[in-house]
Protein backbone atom coordinates (compact mmCIF):
# COMPACT_ATOMS: atom_id res chain seq x y z
CA MET A 1 0.00 0.00 0.00
CA PRO A 2 1.18 3.57 -0.62
CA GLU A 3 2.18 5.79 2.26
CA PRO A 4 -0.43 8.32 3.47
CA VAL A 5 0.14 11.85 2.25
CA ALA A 6 1.52 14.37 4.76
CA LEU A 7 -1.20 16.71 6.03
CA LEU A 8 -0.15 20.26 6.88
CA GLY A 9 -1.82 23.34 8.23
CA LEU A 10 -2.04 26.24 5.82
CA ASP A 11 0.37 28.21 7.99
CA GLU A 12 2.83 25.29 7.93
CA LEU A 13 2.62 25.02 4.14
CA VAL A 14 3.62 28.65 3.67
CA ALA A 15 6.18 28.71 6.49
CA GLU A 16 7.99 25.59 5.31
CA HIS A 17 7.66 25.70 1.52
CA VAL A 18 6.94 29.25 0.29
CA GLN A 19 10.11 31.15 1.03
CA ASP A 20 11.10 34.66 -0.06
CA GLY A 21 12.12 34.62 -3.72
CA GLN A 22 10.20 31.39 -4.42
CA GLN A 23 8.98 30.64 -7.94
CA LEU A 24 5.37 29.54 -7.47
CA PHE A 25 2.69 28.40 -9.90
CA VAL A 26 -0.77 28.95 -8.42
CA GLY A 27 -3.66 26.93 -9.83
CA GLY A 28 -7.17 28.13 -10.60
CA PHE A 29 -8.70 30.06 -13.49
CA ALA A 30 -10.87 32.54 -11.57
CA PHE A 31 -12.56 29.45 -10.14
CA SER A 32 -10.99 27.20 -7.52
CA ASP A 33 -8.44 29.91 -6.82
CA PRO A 34 -6.71 29.13 -3.50
CA ILE A 35 -7.48 32.55 -2.02
CA ALA A 36 -6.74 31.22 1.47
CA LEU A 37 -3.18 30.58 0.31
CA ALA A 38 -2.80 34.22 -0.73
CA HIS A 39 -4.13 35.35 2.65
CA GLU A 40 -1.54 33.25 4.46
CA ILE A 41 1.29 34.44 2.21
CA VAL A 42 0.28 38.02 3.01
CA ARG A 43 0.07 37.28 6.75
CA GLN A 44 3.55 35.76 6.73
CA GLU A 45 4.88 38.74 4.72
CA ARG A 46 6.61 36.79 1.99
CA ARG A 47 8.60 38.95 -0.43
CA ASP A 48 10.12 38.81 -3.93
CA LEU A 49 7.95 35.93 -5.13
CA GLU A 50 7.88 34.96 -8.80
CA ILE A 51 4.24 34.09 -9.43
CA LEU A 52 3.06 32.11 -12.45
CA LYS A 53 -0.71 32.13 -12.90
CA THR A 54 -2.91 32.02 -15.96
CA SER A 55 -5.84 34.02 -14.58
CA GLY A 56 -4.63 36.47 -11.98
CA GLY A 57 -7.87 37.69 -10.46
CA LEU A 58 -8.19 38.80 -6.85
CA LEU A 59 -5.48 36.41 -5.73
CA VAL A 60 -2.68 37.99 -7.74
CA ASP A 61 -4.03 41.50 -7.18
CA MET A 62 -3.89 40.93 -3.44
CA LEU A 63 -0.36 39.49 -3.47
CA VAL A 64 0.89 42.37 -5.64
CA GLY A 65 -0.83 45.01 -3.53
CA ALA A 66 0.61 43.55 -0.33
CA GLY A 67 4.15 43.79 -1.73
CA CYS A 68 4.73 40.03 -1.97
CA VAL A 69 5.51 39.80 -5.71
CA ARG A 70 8.64 40.74 -7.66
CA ARG A 71 8.01 38.94 -10.97
CA LEU A 72 4.82 37.79 -12.64
CA LEU A 73 4.03 35.61 -15.67
CA PHE A 74 0.32 35.70 -16.45
CA CYS A 75 -2.43 35.88 -19.07
CA HIS A 76 -4.59 38.53 -17.41
CA VAL A 77 -5.21 40.11 -14.03
CA TRP A 78 -8.63 41.59 -13.26
CA ASN A 79 -11.60 41.40 -10.93
CA SER A 80 -13.76 39.11 -13.02
CA VAL A 81 -17.09 40.39 -11.71
CA GLY A 82 -18.23 43.42 -13.64
CA PRO A 83 -15.54 43.10 -14.86
CA GLN A 84 -13.57 45.55 -12.76
CA PRO A 85 -9.90 46.48 -12.90
CA ALA A 86 -7.46 44.86 -10.53
CA HIS A 87 -6.65 48.13 -8.82
CA ALA A 88 -3.61 47.06 -6.79
CA PHE A 89 -2.03 45.35 -9.79
CA ARG A 90 -2.63 48.43 -11.92
CA ARG A 91 -1.03 50.72 -9.33
CA ALA A 92 2.04 48.51 -9.18
CA VAL A 93 2.49 48.39 -12.96
CA GLU A 94 1.66 52.03 -13.69
CA GLU A 95 2.93 53.79 -10.58
CA GLY A 96 5.29 51.37 -8.82
CA VAL A 97 3.02 51.25 -5.74
CA PRO A 98 3.82 49.64 -3.32
CA HIS A 99 6.84 48.74 -5.49
CA PRO A 100 7.47 47.97 -9.17
CA VAL A 101 6.62 44.47 -10.46
CA GLU A 102 8.33 42.84 -13.45
CA VAL A 103 5.59 41.45 -15.68
CA ASP A 104 5.50 39.18 -18.71
CA GLU A 105 2.39 38.03 -20.55
CA LEU A 106 1.35 35.01 -22.56
CA SER A 107 -1.97 34.29 -24.20
CA TYR A 108 -3.93 31.60 -22.43
CA GLY A 109 -3.40 29.20 -25.31
CA SER A 110 0.36 29.69 -25.34
CA PHE A 111 0.59 29.43 -21.53
CA ALA A 112 -1.36 26.16 -21.61
CA MET A 113 0.84 24.78 -24.40
CA GLY A 114 3.97 25.76 -22.46
CA LEU A 115 2.67 23.81 -19.48
CA ALA A 116 1.82 20.87 -21.75
CA ALA A 117 5.39 20.88 -23.07
CA GLY A 118 6.67 20.90 -19.50
CA ALA A 119 4.35 18.05 -18.54
CA TRP A 120 5.35 15.94 -21.54
CA GLY A 121 9.10 16.56 -21.29
CA LEU A 122 9.27 18.48 -24.57
CA PRO A 123 11.44 21.57 -25.17
CA PHE A 124 8.56 23.51 -26.75
CA LEU A 125 5.18 23.14 -28.46
CA PRO A 126 3.47 25.07 -31.27
CA THR A 127 0.91 27.70 -30.39
CA THR A 128 -1.31 30.26 -32.06
CA PRO A 129 0.61 32.61 -34.43
CA MET A 130 1.62 35.61 -32.31
CA SER A 131 4.34 37.42 -34.26
CA GLY A 132 3.70 41.14 -34.05
CA ALA A 133 1.54 40.84 -30.94
CA GLY A 134 2.57 42.43 -27.68
CA HIS A 135 3.06 39.05 -26.05
CA PHE A 136 5.60 38.15 -28.71
CA GLU A 137 7.44 41.46 -28.75
CA VAL A 138 7.61 42.37 -25.04
CA ARG A 139 10.06 40.14 -23.13
CA ARG A 140 10.96 41.62 -19.79
CA THR A 141 11.74 38.67 -17.52
CA TRP A 142 11.12 35.66 -19.82
CA PRO A 143 13.19 36.65 -22.89
CA ASP A 144 12.99 33.19 -24.50
CA LYS A 145 9.32 32.48 -23.83
CA LEU A 146 8.32 32.45 -27.53
CA GLY A 147 10.02 31.71 -30.83
CA THR A 148 9.37 30.62 -34.41
CA VAL A 149 10.41 27.52 -36.34
CA PRO A 150 9.97 26.59 -40.01
CA SER A 151 6.92 24.45 -40.68
CA PRO A 152 7.82 20.96 -41.94
CA PHE A 153 4.66 21.13 -44.06
CA GLY A 154 5.41 24.45 -45.77
CA GLY A 155 3.72 27.79 -45.34
CA GLU A 156 4.32 30.42 -42.68
CA PRO A 157 6.74 29.92 -39.77
CA VAL A 158 5.19 28.35 -36.68
CA THR A 159 5.09 30.17 -33.34
CA VAL A 160 6.35 27.98 -30.50
CA VAL A 161 6.30 28.45 -26.73
CA LYS A 162 9.09 27.22 -24.50
CA ALA A 163 8.28 24.51 -21.95
CA ILE A 164 7.14 25.90 -18.60
CA ARG A 165 8.32 23.81 -15.65
CA PRO A 166 7.49 25.61 -12.39
CA ARG A 167 9.61 24.67 -9.42
CA LEU A 168 6.62 24.64 -7.05
CA GLY A 169 2.88 24.45 -7.67
CA ILE A 170 -0.01 24.84 -5.23
CA PHE A 171 -3.52 23.94 -6.36
CA HIS A 172 -7.01 24.07 -4.92
CA VAL A 173 -9.03 20.87 -5.31
CA GLN A 174 -12.39 19.70 -4.07
CA ARG A 175 -11.31 16.52 -2.32
CA ILE A 176 -8.45 14.17 -1.57
CA ASP A 177 -8.08 10.79 0.05
CA ARG A 178 -5.53 9.82 2.68
CA TYR A 179 -3.02 8.97 -0.03
CA GLY A 180 -3.17 12.40 -1.66
CA ASN A 181 -5.19 11.45 -4.75
CA ALA A 182 -6.81 14.77 -5.64
CA GLN A 183 -10.03 15.42 -7.53
CA MET A 184 -11.66 18.47 -9.11
CA PHE A 185 -15.26 18.88 -10.27
CA GLY A 186 -16.43 21.00 -13.17
CA PRO A 187 -13.96 22.80 -15.45
CA THR A 188 -10.29 22.15 -14.80
CA ALA A 189 -8.71 24.53 -17.35
CA GLU A 190 -4.94 23.90 -17.49
CA ILE A 191 -4.77 22.27 -14.05
CA ARG A 192 -3.92 18.72 -15.11
CA MET A 193 -1.03 19.84 -17.31
CA ALA A 194 0.21 22.32 -14.72
CA ILE A 195 0.29 19.68 -11.99
CA ALA A 196 2.30 17.35 -14.21
CA ALA A 197 4.68 20.17 -15.22
CA CYS A 198 5.60 21.26 -11.67
CA ASP A 199 8.66 19.87 -9.90
CA ARG A 200 6.83 19.85 -6.55
CA VAL A 201 3.06 19.78 -5.99
CA PHE A 202 0.92 20.67 -2.97
CA VAL A 203 -2.86 20.70 -2.86
CA ILE A 204 -5.38 22.53 -0.71
CA ALA A 205 -8.60 20.52 -0.48
CA GLU A 206 -12.09 21.27 0.71
CA GLU A 207 -12.33 17.86 2.37
CA ILE A 208 -10.72 14.46 2.79
CA VAL A 209 -12.73 11.38 1.83
CA GLU A 210 -12.24 7.64 1.82
CA PRO A 211 -10.23 6.10 -1.05
CA GLU A 212 -13.39 4.27 -2.17
CA VAL A 213 -15.01 7.63 -2.92
CA ILE A 214 -12.08 8.64 -5.12
CA ARG A 215 -12.10 5.30 -6.91
CA SER A 216 -15.81 5.62 -7.63
CA ARG A 217 -15.14 8.66 -9.88
CA PRO A 218 -11.64 8.16 -11.30
CA GLU A 219 -12.25 10.59 -14.17
CA LEU A 220 -12.28 13.47 -11.65
CA THR A 221 -8.71 12.83 -10.49
CA VAL A 222 -6.34 15.63 -11.52
CA ALA A 223 -3.36 14.54 -9.42
CA PRO A 224 -2.50 10.98 -8.45
CA GLY A 225 -1.15 10.74 -4.94
CA PHE A 226 2.41 9.93 -6.02
CA LEU A 227 2.68 13.46 -7.45
CA VAL A 228 1.45 15.20 -4.29
CA GLU A 229 4.13 16.06 -1.73
CA ALA A 230 1.69 17.18 0.97
CA ALA A 231 -1.86 18.43 1.37
CA VAL A 232 -3.88 20.94 3.37
CA VAL A 233 -7.57 20.43 4.18
CA GLU A 234 -9.36 23.78 4.51
CA PRO A 235 -13.07 24.25 3.73
CA TRP A 236 -13.96 27.44 1.85
CA SER A 237 -10.34 27.94 0.83
CA ALA A 238 -11.32 29.19 -2.65
CA HIS A 239 -13.80 31.85 -1.44
CA PRO A 240 -14.81 34.29 -2.94
CA THR A 241 -14.22 32.37 -6.20
CA ASP A 242 -16.46 29.38 -6.85
CA CYS A 243 -15.79 25.75 -6.06
CA SER A 244 -17.85 23.47 -8.32
CA GLY A 245 -20.09 21.15 -6.34
CA TYR A 246 -19.42 22.94 -3.04
CA TYR A 247 -20.19 26.67 -3.30
CA VAL A 248 -20.83 29.39 -5.87
CA ARG A 249 -18.89 32.57 -6.49
CA ASP A 250 -19.52 35.29 -3.93
CA LEU A 251 -20.41 38.18 -6.24
CA ASP A 252 -21.00 40.53 -3.33
CA HIS A 253 -17.51 39.93 -1.95
CA HIS A 254 -15.98 40.51 -5.39
CA ASP A 255 -17.79 43.85 -5.48
CA LEU A 256 -16.71 44.62 -1.92
CA TYR A 257 -13.08 43.91 -2.78
CA GLY A 258 -13.26 45.97 -5.99
CA ALA A 259 -14.74 48.98 -4.21
CA ALA A 260 -12.40 48.78 -1.23
CA THR A 261 -9.20 48.46 -3.25
CA ARG A 262 -9.68 51.49 -5.52
CA THR A 263 -7.26 53.37 -3.27
CA PRO A 264 -4.16 52.22 -1.38
CA GLU A 265 -5.87 53.21 1.86
CA GLY A 266 -8.92 51.11 1.01
CA PHE A 267 -6.72 48.17 0.09
CA ASP A 268 -4.93 48.38 3.43
CA ALA A 269 -8.28 48.57 5.23
CA TYR A 270 -9.46 45.44 3.40
CA LEU A 271 -6.34 43.54 4.49
CA ARG A 272 -6.78 44.68 8.08
CA GLU A 273 -10.37 43.42 8.15
CA TRP A 274 -10.24 40.27 6.04
CA VAL A 275 -6.63 39.03 6.20
CA TYR A 276 -4.64 40.31 9.18
CA GLY A 277 -7.70 40.82 11.36
CA THR A 278 -9.02 37.29 10.87
CA GLY A 279 -5.69 35.74 11.93
CA SER A 280 -6.24 32.46 10.10
CA HIS A 281 -8.47 30.88 7.50
CA LYS A 282 -10.81 29.67 10.25
CA GLY A 283 -11.10 33.27 11.40
CA TYR A 284 -11.88 34.25 7.79
CA ARG A 285 -14.66 31.65 7.62
CA ASP A 286 -16.06 32.92 10.89
CA ARG A 287 -15.92 36.48 9.57
CA LEU A 288 -17.97 35.41 6.54
CA GLY A 289 -20.66 34.11 8.84
CA GLU A 290 -22.99 31.14 8.67
CA GLU A 291 -25.71 33.02 6.79
CA THR A 292 -23.38 33.97 3.91
CA ARG A 293 -21.90 30.49 3.70
CA ALA A 294 -25.36 28.92 3.68
CA ALA A 295 -26.51 31.19 0.85
CA LEU A 296 -23.48 30.22 -1.28
CA THR A 297 -23.46 26.49 -0.53
CA LEU A 298 -24.27 24.01 -3.26
CA ARG A 299 -26.11 20.95 -2.12
CA GLY A 300 -25.96 18.80 -5.23
CA ALA A 301 -23.71 15.73 -5.34
CA TRP A 302 -21.18 14.84 -8.02
């Protein structure tokens, strides 16, 4: 039998494995974003992180605004409800507040193909033609992210994206078993490829279930246990994004965050109330309140 996966507290995960200067891929595509992870990174005042994330959303905006990020590879960063700008991210890029951030962009398709190349052990993979686009021309921190090669079938040169192999990846999932087999419901975006591309993988799960439950729906497994170094079990760890099968997106909290973070002072006030002031993810859940959680909870079974 395999060995049980190591179970950590969220504070232990960050304290032991997310050090200053860490390169970190964060899973989620504006759903199943491990927002609780961002809160803990902010609480522990990590600095100079290199964050890789396809859809930045509130998570990246918060990390940038709190001064945790030095470099960022992404597809977009915004508050997806409205949509609204990601105010803290915009201040950092345009004004250097709280400090400048080095940014590089890829289209979602090219980012996903880069992760696929990393997962499959390939040096690169073809992607959508991008010559002349800003993603192709602007190369601040990833100078060799894109290239072109002759097509073996004739015609125009083919745009290729270099393999992306993050040193550490942390992903939100719906459930795990004691051996670390991790499952996601609903859309999974690039998650499967990203997990396989990362050197080290940790998951943050809503719950732990018996292995028989995992085996009953094998098609939901995004990470077999042998890929998972350790796991955290924290309900509501993706709030205010949605978690398919468990809870829906909290549109009111997205609006609250967007309104609060329009100014640096409002951003700091948000952190004091919802991150520092709660002390832990349990404190955050308590701050949400039972009535809000009940209104967002999904009661259907997968």
